[in-house]
C-alpha atoms as a PDB file:
ATOM      1  CA  LEU A   1       3.369  11.850 -53.697  1.00  0.00           C
ATOM      2  CA  PHE A   2       6.696   9.992 -54.071  1.00  0.00           C
ATOM      3  CA  LEU A   3       7.377  10.268 -50.319  1.00  0.00           C
ATOM      4  CA  MET A   4       3.919   8.966 -49.333  1.00  0.00           C
ATOM      5  CA  THR A   5       3.953   6.159 -51.924  1.00  0.00           C
ATOM      6  CA  PHE A   6       7.400   4.704 -51.392  1.00  0.00           C
ATOM      7  CA  ILE A   7       9.062   6.021 -48.226  1.00  0.00           C
ATOM      8  CA  ALA A   8       6.626   7.059 -45.502  1.00  0.00           C
ATOM      9  CA  GLN A   9       2.964   6.589 -44.690  1.00  0.00           C
ATOM     10  CA  ALA A  10       0.705   8.666 -42.506  1.00  0.00           C
ATOM     11  CA  VAL A  11      -1.104   6.455 -39.966  1.00  0.00           C
ATOM     12  CA  GLN A  12      -3.843   7.209 -37.471  1.00  0.00           C
ATOM     13  CA  VAL A  13      -4.075   4.814 -34.528  1.00  0.00           C
ATOM     14  CA  PRO A  14      -7.530   3.093 -34.780  1.00  0.00           C
ATOM     15  CA  THR A  15      -7.777   1.346 -31.385  1.00  0.00           C
ATOM     16  CA  GLY A  16      -6.790   1.627 -27.731  1.00  0.00           C
ATOM     17  CA  SER A  17      -4.610  -1.484 -27.752  1.00  0.00           C
ATOM     18  CA  MET A  18      -1.427   0.559 -27.247  1.00  0.00           C
ATOM     19  CA  GLN A  19      -2.822   2.923 -24.574  1.00  0.00           C
ATOM     20  CA  ASN A  20      -1.306   4.534 -22.453  1.00  0.00           C
ATOM     21  CA  ASN A  21       1.823   4.595 -24.671  1.00  0.00           C
ATOM     22  CA  ILE A  22       0.040   5.470 -27.938  1.00  0.00           C
ATOM     23  CA  HIS A  23      -3.496   6.837 -27.876  1.00  0.00           C
ATOM     24  CA  ILE A  24      -6.573   6.382 -30.082  1.00  0.00           C
ATOM     25  CA  GLY A  25      -6.469   8.902 -32.895  1.00  0.00           C
ATOM     26  CA  ASP A  26      -2.734   9.702 -32.620  1.00  0.00           C
ATOM     27  CA  HIS A  27      -1.165  10.473 -35.985  1.00  0.00           C
ATOM     28  CA  PHE A  28       2.387   9.606 -37.019  1.00  0.00           C
ATOM     29  CA  PHE A  29       4.520   8.792 -40.027  1.00  0.00           C
ATOM     30  CA  VAL A  30       5.714   5.241 -40.599  1.00  0.00           C
ATOM     31  CA  ASN A  31       9.080   4.656 -42.248  1.00  0.00           C
ATOM     32  CA  LYS A  32       8.280   1.983 -44.861  1.00  0.00           C
ATOM     33  CA  PHE A  33      11.959   1.142 -45.455  1.00  0.00           C
ATOM     34  CA  LEU A  34      13.283   0.770 -41.908  1.00  0.00           C
ATOM     35  CA  PHE A  35      12.369  -2.924 -41.619  1.00  0.00           C
ATOM     36  CA  GLY A  36      12.646  -3.710 -45.294  1.00  0.00           C
ATOM     37  CA  ARG A  37      15.193  -5.740 -47.157  1.00  0.00           C
ATOM     38  CA  PRO A  38      18.459  -3.939 -47.925  1.00  0.00           C
ATOM     39  CA  THR A  39      18.653  -2.526 -51.442  1.00  0.00           C
ATOM     40  CA  PRO A  40      21.939  -1.869 -53.218  1.00  0.00           C
ATOM     41  CA  VAL A  41      20.713   1.317 -54.852  1.00  0.00           C
ATOM     42  CA  LEU A  42      19.007   2.982 -51.890  1.00  0.00           C
ATOM     43  CA  GLY A  43      20.939   1.247 -49.088  1.00  0.00           C
ATOM     44  CA  LYS A  44      22.989   4.275 -48.024  1.00  0.00           C
ATOM     45  CA  LEU A  45      20.118   6.725 -48.440  1.00  0.00           C
ATOM     46  CA  LEU A  46      17.483   4.584 -46.681  1.00  0.00           C
ATOM     47  CA  PRO A  47      19.246   2.194 -44.263  1.00  0.00           C
ATOM     48  CA  THR A  48      17.337  -0.870 -43.069  1.00  0.00           C
ATOM     49  CA  ARG A  49      17.566  -3.223 -40.094  1.00  0.00           C
ATOM     50  CA  GLU A  50      15.956  -6.384 -38.828  1.00  0.00           C
ATOM     51  CA  ILE A  51      12.872  -6.163 -36.610  1.00  0.00           C
ATOM     52  CA  LYS A  52      13.822  -6.578 -32.946  1.00  0.00           C
ATOM     53  CA  ARG A  53      11.825  -7.646 -29.941  1.00  0.00           C
ATOM     54  CA  GLY A  54      10.170  -4.528 -28.458  1.00  0.00           C
ATOM     55  CA  ASP A  55       9.833  -2.705 -31.775  1.00  0.00           C
ATOM     56  CA  ILE A  56       6.494  -1.102 -32.559  1.00  0.00           C
ATOM     57  CA  ILE A  57       5.210  -2.159 -36.001  1.00  0.00           C
ATOM     58  CA  VAL A  58       2.335  -1.075 -38.212  1.00  0.00           C
ATOM     59  CA  PHE A  59       0.726  -3.687 -40.416  1.00  0.00           C
ATOM     60  CA  LYS A  60      -2.550  -4.520 -42.160  1.00  0.00           C
ATOM     61  CA  PHE A  61      -5.059  -6.266 -39.909  1.00  0.00           C
ATOM     62  CA  PRO A  62      -5.308  -9.893 -41.115  1.00  0.00           C
ATOM     63  CA  SER A  63      -9.128  -9.921 -41.276  1.00  0.00           C
ATOM     64  CA  ASP A  64      -9.489  -6.467 -42.828  1.00  0.00           C
ATOM     65  CA  PRO A  65      -6.520  -5.230 -44.940  1.00  0.00           C
ATOM     66  CA  LYS A  66      -8.012  -1.709 -44.988  1.00  0.00           C
ATOM     67  CA  VAL A  67      -7.189  -1.255 -41.302  1.00  0.00           C
ATOM     68  CA  ASN A  68      -3.677  -0.458 -40.047  1.00  0.00           C
ATOM     69  CA  TYR A  69      -2.827  -2.111 -36.744  1.00  0.00           C
ATOM     70  CA  VAL A  70      -0.156  -0.903 -34.331  1.00  0.00           C
ATOM     71  CA  LYS A  71       1.424  -3.492 -32.016  1.00  0.00           C
ATOM     72  CA  ARG A  72       4.653  -4.313 -30.225  1.00  0.00           C
ATOM     73  CA  VAL A  73       6.789  -7.292 -31.369  1.00  0.00           C
ATOM     74  CA  VAL A  74       7.279  -9.800 -28.558  1.00  0.00           C
ATOM     75  CA  GLY A  75       8.187 -12.908 -30.542  1.00  0.00           C
ATOM     76  CA  LEU A  76      10.687 -13.226 -33.398  1.00  0.00           C
ATOM     77  CA  PRO A  77      10.887 -16.012 -35.997  1.00  0.00           C
ATOM     78  CA  GLY A  78      11.685 -19.309 -34.257  1.00  0.00           C
ATOM     79  CA  ASP A  79      10.798 -18.026 -30.742  1.00  0.00           C
ATOM     80  CA  LYS A  80       8.550 -20.055 -28.468  1.00  0.00           C
ATOM     81  CA  VAL A  81       5.950 -17.697 -26.909  1.00  0.00           C
ATOM     82  CA  LYS A  82       3.654 -18.583 -24.017  1.00  0.00           C
ATOM     83  CA  ILE A  83       1.337 -16.331 -22.027  1.00  0.00           C
ATOM     84  CA  ASN A  84       1.075 -17.279 -18.360  1.00  0.00           C
ATOM     85  CA  GLY A  85      -1.347 -14.906 -16.622  1.00  0.00           C
ATOM     86  CA  THR A  86       0.259 -11.481 -16.978  1.00  0.00           C
ATOM     87  CA  GLN A  87       3.671 -12.888 -17.800  1.00  0.00           C
ATOM     88  CA  VAL A  88       4.898 -13.298 -21.350  1.00  0.00           C
ATOM     89  CA  LEU A  89       7.473 -16.056 -21.661  1.00  0.00           C
ATOM     90  CA  VAL A  90       9.770 -16.123 -24.693  1.00  0.00           C
ATOM     91  CA  ASN A  91      11.897 -19.238 -25.027  1.00  0.00           C
ATOM     92  CA  ASP A  92      10.948 -20.142 -21.427  1.00  0.00           C
ATOM     93  CA  GLN A  93      12.262 -16.816 -20.065  1.00  0.00           C
ATOM     94  CA  VAL A  94      10.006 -14.067 -18.673  1.00  0.00           C
ATOM     95  CA  LEU A  95      10.018 -11.098 -21.029  1.00  0.00           C
ATOM     96  CA  PRO A  96      11.258  -8.039 -19.086  1.00  0.00           C
ATOM     97  CA  GLU A  97       8.363  -5.606 -19.192  1.00  0.00           C
ATOM     98  CA  GLN A  98       7.418  -2.938 -16.686  1.00  0.00           C
ATOM     99  CA  ARG A  99       3.835  -3.605 -15.611  1.00  0.00           C
ATOM    100  CA  VAL A 100       1.467  -0.758 -14.841  1.00  0.00           C
ATOM    101  CA  ILE A 101      -1.928  -1.440 -13.308  1.00  0.00           C
ATOM    102  CA  ILE A 102      -4.621   0.859 -14.693  1.00  0.00           C
ATOM    103  CA  ASN A 103      -8.312   1.475 -14.268  1.00  0.00           C
ATOM    104  CA  LEU A 104      -9.456   0.393 -17.727  1.00  0.00           C
ATOM    105  CA  LEU A 105     -12.092   2.910 -18.804  1.00  0.00           C
ATOM    106  CA  ASP A 106     -14.084   2.908 -22.016  1.00  0.00           C
ATOM    107  CA  THR A 107     -12.822   4.217 -25.362  1.00  0.00           C
ATOM    108  CA  ARG A 108     -13.913   7.821 -24.706  1.00  0.00           C
ATOM    109  CA  TYR A 109     -10.754   8.286 -22.646  1.00  0.00           C
ATOM    110  CA  SER A 110      -7.405   9.035 -24.263  1.00  0.00           C
ATOM    111  CA  SER A 111      -5.576   7.427 -21.377  1.00  0.00           C
ATOM    112  CA  HIS A 112      -6.476   5.331 -18.398  1.00  0.00           C
ATOM    113  CA  PRO A 113      -5.723   6.314 -14.784  1.00  0.00           C
ATOM    114  CA  GLU A 114      -2.669   4.531 -13.399  1.00  0.00           C
ATOM    115  CA  VAL A 115      -3.360   2.717 -10.130  1.00  0.00           C
ATOM    116  CA  ARG A 116       0.077   1.221  -9.480  1.00  0.00           C
ATOM    117  CA  THR A 117       3.409   0.972 -11.279  1.00  0.00           C
ATOM    118  CA  GLU A 118       5.495  -2.083 -10.542  1.00  0.00           C
ATOM    119  CA  PRO A 119       9.292  -1.731 -10.432  1.00  0.00           C
ATOM    120  CA  ALA A 120      10.869  -2.219 -13.826  1.00  0.00           C
ATOM    121  CA  PRO A 121      12.807  -5.513 -14.071  1.00  0.00           C
ATOM    122  CA  ALA A 122      16.323  -5.492 -15.478  1.00  0.00           C
ATOM    123  CA  GLY A 123      16.201  -5.117 -19.243  1.00  0.00           C
ATOM    124  CA  ALA A 124      12.691  -3.612 -19.415  1.00  0.00           C
ATOM    125  CA  HIS A 125      12.545  -0.933 -22.112  1.00  0.00           C
ATOM    126  CA  TYR A 126       8.792  -0.265 -22.264  1.00  0.00           C
ATOM    127  CA  ARG A 127       5.662  -0.360 -20.106  1.00  0.00           C
ATOM    128  CA  VAL A 128       2.635  -2.621 -20.483  1.00  0.00           C
ATOM    129  CA  PHE A 129      -0.765  -1.939 -18.932  1.00  0.00           C
ATOM    130  CA  TYR A 130      -3.184  -4.310 -17.194  1.00  0.00           C
ATOM    131  CA  ASP A 131      -6.638  -3.598 -15.822  1.00  0.00           C
ATOM    132  CA  ASP A 132      -6.828  -3.482 -12.027  1.00  0.00           C
ATOM    133  CA  ARG A 133      -9.014  -6.599 -11.856  1.00  0.00           C
ATOM    134  CA  ASP A 134      -7.524  -9.855 -10.588  1.00  0.00           C
ATOM    135  CA  HIS A 135      -5.542 -11.812 -13.156  1.00  0.00           C
ATOM    136  CA  GLU A 136      -5.678 -15.359 -11.998  1.00  0.00           C
ATOM    137  CA  GLU A 137      -3.963 -17.552 -14.570  1.00  0.00           C
ATOM    138  CA  SER A 138      -7.040 -19.675 -15.181  1.00  0.00           C
ATOM    139  CA  GLU A 139      -9.302 -16.595 -15.494  1.00  0.00           C
ATOM    140  CA  PHE A 140      -7.009 -14.784 -17.923  1.00  0.00           C
ATOM    141  CA  ASN A 141      -6.434 -17.822 -20.105  1.00  0.00           C
ATOM    142  CA  SER A 142     -10.049 -18.981 -20.114  1.00  0.00           C
ATOM    143  CA  ASP A 143     -11.185 -16.566 -22.854  1.00  0.00           C
ATOM    144  CA  SER A 144     -12.228 -18.995 -25.583  1.00  0.00           C
ATOM    145  CA  GLN A 145     -11.042 -16.622 -28.308  1.00  0.00           C
ATOM    146  CA  LEU A 146      -7.422 -16.649 -27.032  1.00  0.00           C
ATOM    147  CA  ARG A 147      -5.800 -19.419 -29.050  1.00  0.00           C
ATOM    148  CA  TYR A 148      -2.091 -18.692 -29.654  1.00  0.00           C
ATOM    149  CA  GLY A 149       0.472 -19.050 -26.878  1.00  0.00           C
ATOM    150  CA  ILE A 150      -2.135 -19.513 -24.172  1.00  0.00           C
ATOM    151  CA  ASN A 151      -2.557 -23.176 -23.224  1.00  0.00           C
ATOM    152  CA  GLU A 152       0.662 -24.267 -24.884  1.00  0.00           C
ATOM    153  CA  PRO A 153       3.608 -22.386 -26.365  1.00  0.00           C
ATOM    154  CA  ALA A 154       3.289 -21.038 -29.884  1.00  0.00           C
ATOM    155  CA  VAL A 155       6.376 -21.267 -32.102  1.00  0.00           C
ATOM    156  CA  VAL A 156       6.718 -18.247 -34.383  1.00  0.00           C
ATOM    157  CA  PRO A 157       7.078 -19.383 -38.016  1.00  0.00           C
ATOM    158  CA  PRO A 158       9.876 -18.092 -40.289  1.00  0.00           C
ATOM    159  CA  ASP A 159       9.275 -14.573 -41.635  1.00  0.00           C
ATOM    160  CA  SER A 160       6.581 -14.001 -38.966  1.00  0.00           C
ATOM    161  CA  TYR A 161       6.249 -12.234 -35.624  1.00  0.00           C
ATOM    162  CA  PHE A 162       4.128 -12.531 -32.470  1.00  0.00           C
ATOM    163  CA  ALA A 163       2.753  -9.050 -31.746  1.00  0.00           C
ATOM    164  CA  MET A 164       0.815  -7.767 -28.744  1.00  0.00           C
ATOM    165  CA  GLY A 165      -0.697  -4.436 -27.747  1.00  0.00           C
ATOM    166  CA  ASP A 166       0.705  -2.658 -24.706  1.00  0.00           C
ATOM    167  CA  ASN A 167      -2.793  -2.377 -23.206  1.00  0.00           C
ATOM    168  CA  ARG A 168      -2.919  -6.154 -22.683  1.00  0.00           C
ATOM    169  CA  ASP A 169      -6.528  -6.377 -21.473  1.00  0.00           C
ATOM    170  CA  ASN A 170      -7.811  -4.311 -24.399  1.00  0.00           C
ATOM    171  CA  SER A 171      -5.858  -5.676 -27.369  1.00  0.00           C
ATOM    172  CA  LEU A 172      -6.911  -7.852 -30.252  1.00  0.00           C
ATOM    173  CA  ASP A 173      -3.473  -9.280 -31.142  1.00  0.00           C
ATOM    174  CA  SER A 174      -1.482 -12.416 -31.957  1.00  0.00           C
ATOM    175  CA  ARG A 175      -3.079 -14.243 -29.010  1.00  0.00           C
ATOM    176  CA  TYR A 176      -6.346 -14.129 -31.023  1.00  0.00           C
ATOM    177  CA  TRP A 177      -5.498 -14.214 -34.717  1.00  0.00           C
ATOM    178  CA  GLY A 178      -1.985 -15.623 -34.905  1.00  0.00           C
ATOM    179  CA  PHE A 179       1.212 -14.282 -36.396  1.00  0.00           C
ATOM    180  CA  VAL A 180       2.094 -11.159 -38.371  1.00  0.00           C
END
């Protein structure tokens, strides 16, 4: 009870927004202290660190606090984030991500077939997945629900993060509802 209340939390992934890296229904334990503020009493027992770009975080969905969301951090406090087609720009630099083109199937599938894997750019530490349809900049950015970082850069406020799912064409994330 102590462990589950204060230190770790069991989480089940509710959506396919992180597929093919994390799948719907996957279970894992979340370390509640890793990204917390350092504490003098527990500091040596439970070390903490700052959230870094590329970290996977679990948080309560802004519209429904009963739902845990799992996303990847792409923007840190003070960063300027802009989405340009399939490129994520952070502070006017393309974020190094390895792009994988998939055949986006419905939610009955635990993973989507990979059509093509692009070479990983220097500094890429994870893979992101895009549906095999064309991604013209105007088409991708025309979704009226996409509001943050689409038509103009979004500056991440202090103590906030810009988070996106790895399955970019199937992710309700900071592009839609803002910052975490």
